[in-house]
Amino acid sequence: MDDFSTPGMDNGFGFAPSETNFIQPGKRPMSSMSPMVIFDKKTKEAIVRPLIFGDSIKQAIDSPMLHNQFTPDIAQIDDSFPKVIGTASIN
């Protein structure tokens, strides 16, 4: 049930509940899991980038990465990621 928020209870990742995602009859969660098991970050990029951006598998694997969890506000940026994009993404 981690796709919904429970009043007064942090989710499995330690995030505070969000009223907009509380369980209600007939309501769908704001987000939900997809049936995919990914074991490392490069595998994720090799799957997501071709599907969304049309990259080849090689382009996806070689591309620099940026990840922001948003809550807590922590960004992880590869050293080769373009600085202007990385800075704009975390500000």
PDB file of N, CA and C in Angstrom:
ATOM      1  N   MET A   1       0.813  -1.202   0.000  1.00  0.00           N
ATOM      2  CA  MET A   1       0.000   0.000   0.000  1.00  0.00           C
ATOM      3  C   MET A   1       0.848   1.254   0.000  1.00  0.00           C
ATOM      4  N   ASP A   2       2.123   1.157  -0.294  1.00  0.00           N
ATOM      5  CA  ASP A   2       2.993   2.331  -0.252  1.00  0.00           C
ATOM      6  C   ASP A   2       2.697   3.322  -1.373  1.00  0.00           C
ATOM      7  N   ASP A   3       1.817   2.947  -2.309  1.00  0.00           N
ATOM      8  CA  ASP A   3       1.456   3.884  -3.371  1.00  0.00           C
ATOM      9  C   ASP A   3       0.535   4.981  -2.849  1.00  0.00           C
ATOM     10  N   PHE A   4      -0.190   4.704  -1.771  1.00  0.00           N
ATOM     11  CA  PHE A   4      -1.037   5.697  -1.115  1.00  0.00           C
ATOM     12  C   PHE A   4      -0.339   6.210   0.135  1.00  0.00           C
ATOM     13  N   SER A   5      -0.827   7.333   0.669  1.00  0.00           N
ATOM     14  CA  SER A   5      -0.338   7.849   1.950  1.00  0.00           C
ATOM     15  C   SER A   5      -1.328   7.477   3.041  1.00  0.00           C
ATOM     16  N   THR A   6      -0.816   7.204   4.227  1.00  0.00           N
ATOM     17  CA  THR A   6      -1.644   6.897   5.381  1.00  0.00           C
ATOM     18  C   THR A   6      -1.503   8.036   6.381  1.00  0.00           C
ATOM     19  N   PRO A   7      -2.619   8.631   6.821  1.00  0.00           N
ATOM     20  CA  PRO A   7      -2.533   9.753   7.766  1.00  0.00           C
ATOM     21  C   PRO A   7      -1.690   9.406   8.991  1.00  0.00           C
ATOM     22  N   GLY A   8      -0.737  10.285   9.320  1.00  0.00           N
ATOM     23  CA  GLY A   8       0.088  10.115  10.511  1.00  0.00           C
ATOM     24  C   GLY A   8       1.160   9.046  10.416  1.00  0.00           C
ATOM     25  N   MET A   9       1.402   8.510   9.230  1.00  0.00           N
ATOM     26  CA  MET A   9       2.354   7.412   9.094  1.00  0.00           C
ATOM     27  C   MET A   9       3.292   7.647   7.913  1.00  0.00           C
ATOM     28  N   ASP A  10       4.610   7.660   8.167  1.00  0.00           N
ATOM     29  CA  ASP A  10       5.587   7.781   7.086  1.00  0.00           C
ATOM     30  C   ASP A  10       5.526   6.532   6.212  1.00  0.00           C
ATOM     31  N   ASN A  11       5.863   6.688   4.926  1.00  0.00           N
ATOM     32  CA  ASN A  11       5.842   5.520   4.047  1.00  0.00           C
ATOM     33  C   ASN A  11       7.103   4.676   4.242  1.00  0.00           C
ATOM     34  N   GLY A  12       7.247   3.644   3.453  1.00  0.00           N
ATOM     35  CA  GLY A  12       8.377   2.730   3.580  1.00  0.00           C
ATOM     36  C   GLY A  12       9.725   3.365   3.310  1.00  0.00           C
ATOM     37  N   PHE A  13       9.729   4.532   2.677  1.00  0.00           N
ATOM     38  CA  PHE A  13      10.970   5.248   2.400  1.00  0.00           C
ATOM     39  C   PHE A  13      11.231   6.340   3.430  1.00  0.00           C
ATOM     40  N   GLY A  14      10.343   6.472   4.427  1.00  0.00           N
ATOM     41  CA  GLY A  14      10.522   7.475   5.473  1.00  0.00           C
ATOM     42  C   GLY A  14       9.944   8.837   5.134  1.00  0.00           C
ATOM     43  N   PHE A  15       9.163   8.943   4.046  1.00  0.00           N
ATOM     44  CA  PHE A  15       8.579  10.223   3.665  1.00  0.00           C
ATOM     45  C   PHE A  15       7.268  10.452   4.405  1.00  0.00           C
ATOM     46  N   ALA A  16       7.019  11.703   4.775  1.00  0.00           N
ATOM     47  CA  ALA A  16       5.791  12.070   5.481  1.00  0.00           C
ATOM     48  C   ALA A  16       4.583  11.856   4.566  1.00  0.00           C
ATOM     49  N   PRO A  17       3.404  11.591   5.158  1.00  0.00           N
ATOM     50  CA  PRO A  17       2.209  11.372   4.342  1.00  0.00           C
ATOM     51  C   PRO A  17       1.779  12.634   3.598  1.00  0.00           C
ATOM     52  N   SER A  18       1.142  12.445   2.458  1.00  0.00           N
ATOM     53  CA  SER A  18       0.622  13.548   1.649  1.00  0.00           C
ATOM     54  C   SER A  18      -0.894  13.427   1.586  1.00  0.00           C
ATOM     55  N   GLU A  19      -1.591  14.458   2.033  1.00  0.00           N
ATOM     56  CA  GLU A  19      -3.057  14.425   2.071  1.00  0.00           C
ATOM     57  C   GLU A  19      -3.661  14.177   0.687  1.00  0.00           C
ATOM     58  N   THR A  20      -3.001  14.686  -0.350  1.00  0.00           N
ATOM     59  CA  THR A  20      -3.533  14.488  -1.708  1.00  0.00           C
ATOM     60  C   THR A  20      -3.462  13.033  -2.161  1.00  0.00           C
ATOM     61  N   ASN A  21      -2.755  12.198  -1.418  1.00  0.00           N
ATOM     62  CA  ASN A  21      -2.618  10.798  -1.801  1.00  0.00           C
ATOM     63  C   ASN A  21      -3.168   9.851  -0.729  1.00  0.00           C
ATOM     64  N   PHE A  22      -4.051  10.367   0.152  1.00  0.00           N
ATOM     65  CA  PHE A  22      -4.685   9.512   1.161  1.00  0.00           C
ATOM     66  C   PHE A  22      -5.630   8.524   0.480  1.00  0.00           C
ATOM     67  N   ILE A  23      -5.801   7.368   1.096  1.00  0.00           N
ATOM     68  CA  ILE A  23      -6.684   6.329   0.578  1.00  0.00           C
ATOM     69  C   ILE A  23      -8.132   6.797   0.689  1.00  0.00           C
ATOM     70  N   GLN A  24      -8.878   6.681  -0.415  1.00  0.00           N
ATOM     71  CA  GLN A  24     -10.302   7.009  -0.447  1.00  0.00           C
ATOM     72  C   GLN A  24     -10.987   6.036  -1.400  1.00  0.00           C
ATOM     73  N   PRO A  25     -12.281   5.762  -1.185  1.00  0.00           N
ATOM     74  CA  PRO A  25     -12.988   4.847  -2.087  1.00  0.00           C
ATOM     75  C   PRO A  25     -12.914   5.319  -3.541  1.00  0.00           C
ATOM     76  N   GLY A  26     -12.571   4.427  -4.438  1.00  0.00           N
ATOM     77  CA  GLY A  26     -12.527   4.721  -5.858  1.00  0.00           C
ATOM     78  C   GLY A  26     -11.352   5.562  -6.317  1.00  0.00           C
ATOM     79  N   LYS A  27     -10.464   5.925  -5.406  1.00  0.00           N
ATOM     80  CA  LYS A  27      -9.335   6.787  -5.760  1.00  0.00           C
ATOM     81  C   LYS A  27      -8.157   5.942  -6.239  1.00  0.00           C
ATOM     82  N   ARG A  28      -7.447   6.467  -7.238  1.00  0.00           N
ATOM     83  CA  ARG A  28      -6.232   5.823  -7.724  1.00  0.00           C
ATOM     84  C   ARG A  28      -5.037   6.544  -7.118  1.00  0.00           C
ATOM     85  N   PRO A  29      -3.959   5.833  -6.815  1.00  0.00           N
ATOM     86  CA  PRO A  29      -2.780   6.504  -6.262  1.00  0.00           C
ATOM     87  C   PRO A  29      -2.181   7.464  -7.289  1.00  0.00           C
ATOM     88  N   MET A  30      -1.515   8.531  -6.790  1.00  0.00           N
ATOM     89  CA  MET A  30      -0.879   9.489  -7.689  1.00  0.00           C
ATOM     90  C   MET A  30       0.226   8.821  -8.494  1.00  0.00           C
ATOM     91  N   SER A  31       0.838   7.817  -7.921  1.00  0.00           N
ATOM     92  CA  SER A  31       1.849   7.040  -8.629  1.00  0.00           C
ATOM     93  C   SER A  31       1.717   5.596  -8.189  1.00  0.00           C
ATOM     94  N   SER A  32       2.266   4.713  -8.965  1.00  0.00           N
ATOM     95  CA  SER A  32       2.228   3.306  -8.578  1.00  0.00           C
ATOM     96  C   SER A  32       3.431   2.592  -9.176  1.00  0.00           C
ATOM     97  N   MET A  33       3.655   1.392  -8.688  1.00  0.00           N
ATOM     98  CA  MET A  33       4.797   0.609  -9.156  1.00  0.00           C
ATOM     99  C   MET A  33       4.547   0.086 -10.559  1.00  0.00           C
ATOM    100  N   SER A  34       5.611  -0.172 -11.269  1.00  0.00           N
ATOM    101  CA  SER A  34       5.512  -0.838 -12.561  1.00  0.00           C
ATOM    102  C   SER A  34       6.114  -2.231 -12.406  1.00  0.00           C
ATOM    103  N   PRO A  35       5.648  -3.186 -13.175  1.00  0.00           N
ATOM    104  CA  PRO A  35       6.156  -4.556 -13.022  1.00  0.00           C
ATOM    105  C   PRO A  35       7.522  -4.739 -13.680  1.00  0.00           C
ATOM    106  N   MET A  36       8.544  -4.122 -13.089  1.00  0.00           N
ATOM    107  CA  MET A  36       9.894  -4.209 -13.635  1.00  0.00           C
ATOM    108  C   MET A  36      10.880  -4.295 -12.473  1.00  0.00           C
ATOM    109  N   VAL A  37      11.814  -5.207 -12.566  1.00  0.00           N
ATOM    110  CA  VAL A  37      12.849  -5.329 -11.544  1.00  0.00           C
ATOM    111  C   VAL A  37      14.159  -4.863 -12.167  1.00  0.00           C
ATOM    112  N   ILE A  38      14.767  -3.830 -11.572  1.00  0.00           N
ATOM    113  CA  ILE A  38      16.018  -3.274 -12.079  1.00  0.00           C
ATOM    114  C   ILE A  38      17.044  -3.370 -10.967  1.00  0.00           C
ATOM    115  N   PHE A  39      18.198  -3.939 -11.264  1.00  0.00           N
ATOM    116  CA  PHE A  39      19.193  -4.190 -10.237  1.00  0.00           C
ATOM    117  C   PHE A  39      20.259  -3.113 -10.089  1.00  0.00           C
ATOM    118  N   ASP A  40      20.428  -2.254 -11.080  1.00  0.00           N
ATOM    119  CA  ASP A  40      21.406  -1.177 -10.936  1.00  0.00           C
ATOM    120  C   ASP A  40      20.999   0.021 -11.793  1.00  0.00           C
ATOM    121  N   LYS A  41      21.656   1.168 -11.548  1.00  0.00           N
ATOM    122  CA  LYS A  41      21.278   2.415 -12.216  1.00  0.00           C
ATOM    123  C   LYS A  41      21.492   2.371 -13.721  1.00  0.00           C
ATOM    124  N   LYS A  42      22.558   1.760 -14.169  1.00  0.00           N
ATOM    125  CA  LYS A  42      22.818   1.702 -15.610  1.00  0.00           C
ATOM    126  C   LYS A  42      21.759   0.875 -16.328  1.00  0.00           C
ATOM    127  N   THR A  43      21.250  -0.166 -15.683  1.00  0.00           N
ATOM    128  CA  THR A  43      20.185  -0.960 -16.287  1.00  0.00           C
ATOM    129  C   THR A  43      18.946  -0.106 -16.479  1.00  0.00           C
ATOM    130  N   LYS A  44      18.620   0.700 -15.468  1.00  0.00           N
ATOM    131  CA  LYS A  44      17.456   1.584 -15.561  1.00  0.00           C
ATOM    132  C   LYS A  44      17.599   2.518 -16.750  1.00  0.00           C
ATOM    133  N   GLU A  45      18.757   3.152 -16.888  1.00  0.00           N
ATOM    134  CA  GLU A  45      18.984   4.078 -17.995  1.00  0.00           C
ATOM    135  C   GLU A  45      18.883   3.359 -19.336  1.00  0.00           C
ATOM    136  N   ALA A  46      19.373   2.134 -19.398  1.00  0.00           N
ATOM    137  CA  ALA A  46      19.340   1.371 -20.645  1.00  0.00           C
ATOM    138  C   ALA A  46      17.910   1.020 -21.049  1.00  0.00           C
ATOM    139  N   ILE A  47      16.995   1.007 -20.105  1.00  0.00           N
ATOM    140  CA  ILE A  47      15.593   0.708 -20.395  1.00  0.00           C
ATOM    141  C   ILE A  47      14.797   1.992 -20.639  1.00  0.00           C
ATOM    142  N   VAL A  48      14.948   2.970 -19.765  1.00  0.00           N
ATOM    143  CA  VAL A  48      14.127   4.180 -19.807  1.00  0.00           C
ATOM    144  C   VAL A  48      14.479   5.098 -20.977  1.00  0.00           C
ATOM    145  N   ARG A  49      15.747   5.374 -21.187  1.00  0.00           N
ATOM    146  CA  ARG A  49      16.138   6.339 -22.236  1.00  0.00           C
ATOM    147  C   ARG A  49      15.699   5.904 -23.643  1.00  0.00           C
ATOM    148  N   PRO A  50      15.848   4.641 -24.037  1.00  0.00           N
ATOM    149  CA  PRO A  50      15.337   4.257 -25.364  1.00  0.00           C
ATOM    150  C   PRO A  50      13.813   4.389 -25.468  1.00  0.00           C
ATOM    151  N   LEU A  51      13.100   4.067 -24.407  1.00  0.00           N
ATOM    152  CA  LEU A  51      11.639   4.148 -24.441  1.00  0.00           C
ATOM    153  C   LEU A  51      11.139   5.584 -24.495  1.00  0.00           C
ATOM    154  N   ILE A  52      11.755   6.477 -23.737  1.00  0.00           N
ATOM    155  CA  ILE A  52      11.271   7.855 -23.645  1.00  0.00           C
ATOM    156  C   ILE A  52      11.920   8.773 -24.678  1.00  0.00           C
ATOM    157  N   PHE A  53      13.239   8.669 -24.838  1.00  0.00           N
ATOM    158  CA  PHE A  53      13.963   9.605 -25.697  1.00  0.00           C
ATOM    159  C   PHE A  53      14.361   9.032 -27.057  1.00  0.00           C
ATOM    160  N   GLY A  54      14.144   7.743 -27.263  1.00  0.00           N
ATOM    161  CA  GLY A  54      14.506   7.131 -28.531  1.00  0.00           C
ATOM    162  C   GLY A  54      15.995   6.872 -28.692  1.00  0.00           C
ATOM    163  N   ASP A  55      16.741   6.923 -27.587  1.00  0.00           N
ATOM    164  CA  ASP A  55      18.181   6.653 -27.638  1.00  0.00           C
ATOM    165  C   ASP A  55      18.436   5.188 -27.986  1.00  0.00           C
ATOM    166  N   SER A  56      19.619   4.932 -28.531  1.00  0.00           N
ATOM    167  CA  SER A  56      20.042   3.543 -28.697  1.00  0.00           C
ATOM    168  C   SER A  56      20.461   3.026 -27.315  1.00  0.00           C
ATOM    169  N   ILE A  57      20.606   1.726 -27.182  1.00  0.00           N
ATOM    170  CA  ILE A  57      21.052   1.158 -25.908  1.00  0.00           C
ATOM    171  C   ILE A  57      22.430   1.705 -25.549  1.00  0.00           C
ATOM    172  N   LYS A  58      23.333   1.800 -26.529  1.00  0.00           N
ATOM    173  CA  LYS A  58      24.675   2.331 -26.265  1.00  0.00           C
ATOM    174  C   LYS A  58      24.609   3.782 -25.795  1.00  0.00           C
ATOM    175  N   GLN A  59      23.807   4.615 -26.458  1.00  0.00           N
ATOM    176  CA  GLN A  59      23.663   6.010 -26.029  1.00  0.00           C
ATOM    177  C   GLN A  59      23.133   6.079 -24.595  1.00  0.00           C
ATOM    178  N   ALA A  60      22.167   5.243 -24.284  1.00  0.00           N
ATOM    179  CA  ALA A  60      21.577   5.246 -22.946  1.00  0.00           C
ATOM    180  C   ALA A  60      22.600   4.868 -21.885  1.00  0.00           C
ATOM    181  N   ILE A  61      23.387   3.848 -22.150  1.00  0.00           N
ATOM    182  CA  ILE A  61      24.388   3.396 -21.180  1.00  0.00           C
ATOM    183  C   ILE A  61      25.499   4.427 -21.014  1.00  0.00           C
ATOM    184  N   ASP A  62      25.894   5.074 -22.108  1.00  0.00           N
ATOM    185  CA  ASP A  62      26.989   6.048 -22.064  1.00  0.00           C
ATOM    186  C   ASP A  62      26.569   7.427 -21.553  1.00  0.00           C
ATOM    187  N   SER A  63      25.282   7.694 -21.461  1.00  0.00           N
ATOM    188  CA  SER A  63      24.819   9.043 -21.104  1.00  0.00           C
ATOM    189  C   SER A  63      25.071   9.364 -19.628  1.00  0.00           C
ATOM    190  N   PRO A  64      25.368  10.655 -19.323  1.00  0.00           N
ATOM    191  CA  PRO A  64      25.517  11.057 -17.921  1.00  0.00           C
ATOM    192  C   PRO A  64      24.148  11.044 -17.243  1.00  0.00           C
ATOM    193  N   MET A  65      24.141  10.864 -15.925  1.00  0.00           N
ATOM    194  CA  MET A  65      22.877  10.750 -15.206  1.00  0.00           C
ATOM    195  C   MET A  65      22.717  11.817 -14.138  1.00  0.00           C
ATOM    196  N   LEU A  66      21.455  12.151 -13.876  1.00  0.00           N
ATOM    197  CA  LEU A  66      21.066  13.054 -12.804  1.00  0.00           C
ATOM    198  C   LEU A  66      19.890  12.407 -12.089  1.00  0.00           C
ATOM    199  N   HIS A  67      19.926  12.383 -10.771  1.00  0.00           N
ATOM    200  CA  HIS A  67      18.797  11.855  -9.996  1.00  0.00           C
ATOM    201  C   HIS A  67      18.520  12.790  -8.835  1.00  0.00           C
ATOM    202  N   ASN A  68      17.253  13.192  -8.682  1.00  0.00           N
ATOM    203  CA  ASN A  68      16.835  13.992  -7.535  1.00  0.00           C
ATOM    204  C   ASN A  68      15.648  13.299  -6.895  1.00  0.00           C
ATOM    205  N   GLN A  69      15.788  12.962  -5.619  1.00  0.00           N
ATOM    206  CA  GLN A  69      14.722  12.282  -4.903  1.00  0.00           C
ATOM    207  C   GLN A  69      13.596  13.241  -4.544  1.00  0.00           C
ATOM    208  N   PHE A  70      13.847  14.542  -4.550  1.00  0.00           N
ATOM    209  CA  PHE A  70      12.918  15.618  -4.215  1.00  0.00           C
ATOM    210  C   PHE A  70      12.618  15.696  -2.728  1.00  0.00           C
ATOM    211  N   THR A  71      12.286  14.610  -2.077  1.00  0.00           N
ATOM    212  CA  THR A  71      12.082  14.615  -0.631  1.00  0.00           C
ATOM    213  C   THR A  71      12.829  13.433  -0.056  1.00  0.00           C
ATOM    214  N   PRO A  72      13.950  13.624   0.601  1.00  0.00           N
ATOM    215  CA  PRO A  72      14.614  14.901   0.869  1.00  0.00           C
ATOM    216  C   PRO A  72      15.250  15.440  -0.414  1.00  0.00           C
ATOM    217  N   ASP A  73      15.490  16.733  -0.456  1.00  0.00           N
ATOM    218  CA  ASP A  73      15.979  17.399  -1.659  1.00  0.00           C
ATOM    219  C   ASP A  73      17.474  17.165  -1.837  1.00  0.00           C
ATOM    220  N   ILE A  74      17.805  15.999  -2.353  1.00  0.00           N
ATOM    221  CA  ILE A  74      19.199  15.618  -2.573  1.00  0.00           C
ATOM    222  C   ILE A  74      19.358  15.227  -4.038  1.00  0.00           C
ATOM    223  N   ALA A  75      20.295  15.865  -4.730  1.00  0.00           N
ATOM    224  CA  ALA A  75      20.544  15.555  -6.136  1.00  0.00           C
ATOM    225  C   ALA A  75      21.876  14.834  -6.280  1.00  0.00           C
ATOM    226  N   GLN A  76      21.887  13.818  -7.130  1.00  0.00           N
ATOM    227  CA  GLN A  76      23.113  13.115  -7.483  1.00  0.00           C
ATOM    228  C   GLN A  76      23.339  13.354  -8.971  1.00  0.00           C
ATOM    229  N   ILE A  77      24.499  13.934  -9.310  1.00  0.00           N
ATOM    230  CA  ILE A  77      24.780  14.310 -10.693  1.00  0.00           C
ATOM    231  C   ILE A  77      26.137  13.750 -11.107  1.00  0.00           C
ATOM    232  N   ASP A  78      26.171  13.027 -12.242  1.00  0.00           N
ATOM    233  CA  ASP A  78      27.449  12.547 -12.778  1.00  0.00           C
ATOM    234  C   ASP A  78      28.348  13.730 -13.103  1.00  0.00           C
ATOM    235  N   ASP A  79      29.649  13.548 -12.924  1.00  0.00           N
ATOM    236  CA  ASP A  79      30.616  14.611 -13.225  1.00  0.00           C
ATOM    237  C   ASP A  79      30.545  15.060 -14.681  1.00  0.00           C
ATOM    238  N   SER A  80      30.196  14.161 -15.590  1.00  0.00           N
ATOM    239  CA  SER A  80      30.153  14.507 -17.015  1.00  0.00           C
ATOM    240  C   SER A  80      28.824  15.135 -17.445  1.00  0.00           C
ATOM    241  N   PHE A  81      27.881  15.279 -16.508  1.00  0.00           N
ATOM    242  CA  PHE A  81      26.587  15.891 -16.829  1.00  0.00           C
ATOM    243  C   PHE A  81      26.802  17.372 -17.130  1.00  0.00           C
ATOM    244  N   PRO A  82      26.177  17.935 -18.187  1.00  0.00           N
ATOM    245  CA  PRO A  82      26.370  19.359 -18.500  1.00  0.00           C
ATOM    246  C   PRO A  82      26.033  20.244 -17.297  1.00  0.00           C
ATOM    247  N   LYS A  83      26.992  21.056 -16.869  1.00  0.00           N
ATOM    248  CA  LYS A  83      26.835  21.859 -15.646  1.00  0.00           C
ATOM    249  C   LYS A  83      25.615  22.771 -15.700  1.00  0.00           C
ATOM    250  N   VAL A  84      25.343  23.396 -16.848  1.00  0.00           N
ATOM    251  CA  VAL A  84      24.223  24.330 -16.934  1.00  0.00           C
ATOM    252  C   VAL A  84      22.884  23.614 -16.714  1.00  0.00           C
ATOM    253  N   ILE A  85      22.756  22.394 -17.197  1.00  0.00           N
ATOM    254  CA  ILE A  85      21.528  21.624 -16.996  1.00  0.00           C
ATOM    255  C   ILE A  85      21.455  21.117 -15.566  1.00  0.00           C
ATOM    256  N   GLY A  86      22.552  20.582 -15.055  1.00  0.00           N
ATOM    257  CA  GLY A  86      22.579  20.078 -13.683  1.00  0.00           C
ATOM    258  C   GLY A  86      22.258  21.160 -12.674  1.00  0.00           C
ATOM    259  N   THR A  87      22.823  22.343 -12.834  1.00  0.00           N
ATOM    260  CA  THR A  87      22.569  23.451 -11.913  1.00  0.00           C
ATOM    261  C   THR A  87      21.117  23.889 -11.993  1.00  0.00           C
ATOM    262  N   ALA A  88      20.569  24.009 -13.190  1.00  0.00           N
ATOM    263  CA  ALA A  88      19.172  24.415 -13.356  1.00  0.00           C
ATOM    264  C   ALA A  88      18.226  23.374 -12.777  1.00  0.00           C
ATOM    265  N   SER A  89      18.599  22.112 -12.831  1.00  0.00           N
ATOM    266  CA  SER A  89      17.738  21.033 -12.356  1.00  0.00           C
ATOM    267  C   SER A  89      17.639  20.973 -10.845  1.00  0.00           C
ATOM    268  N   ILE A  90      18.656  21.452 -10.147  1.00  0.00           N
ATOM    269  CA  ILE A  90      18.629  21.349  -8.685  1.00  0.00           C
ATOM    270  C   ILE A  90      18.294  22.669  -8.011  1.00  0.00           C
ATOM    271  N   ASN A  91      18.146  23.735  -8.767  1.00  0.00           N
ATOM    272  CA  ASN A  91      17.786  25.039  -8.177  1.00  0.00           C
ATOM    273  C   ASN A  91      16.329  25.344  -8.362  1.00  0.00           C
TER     274      ASN A  91
END
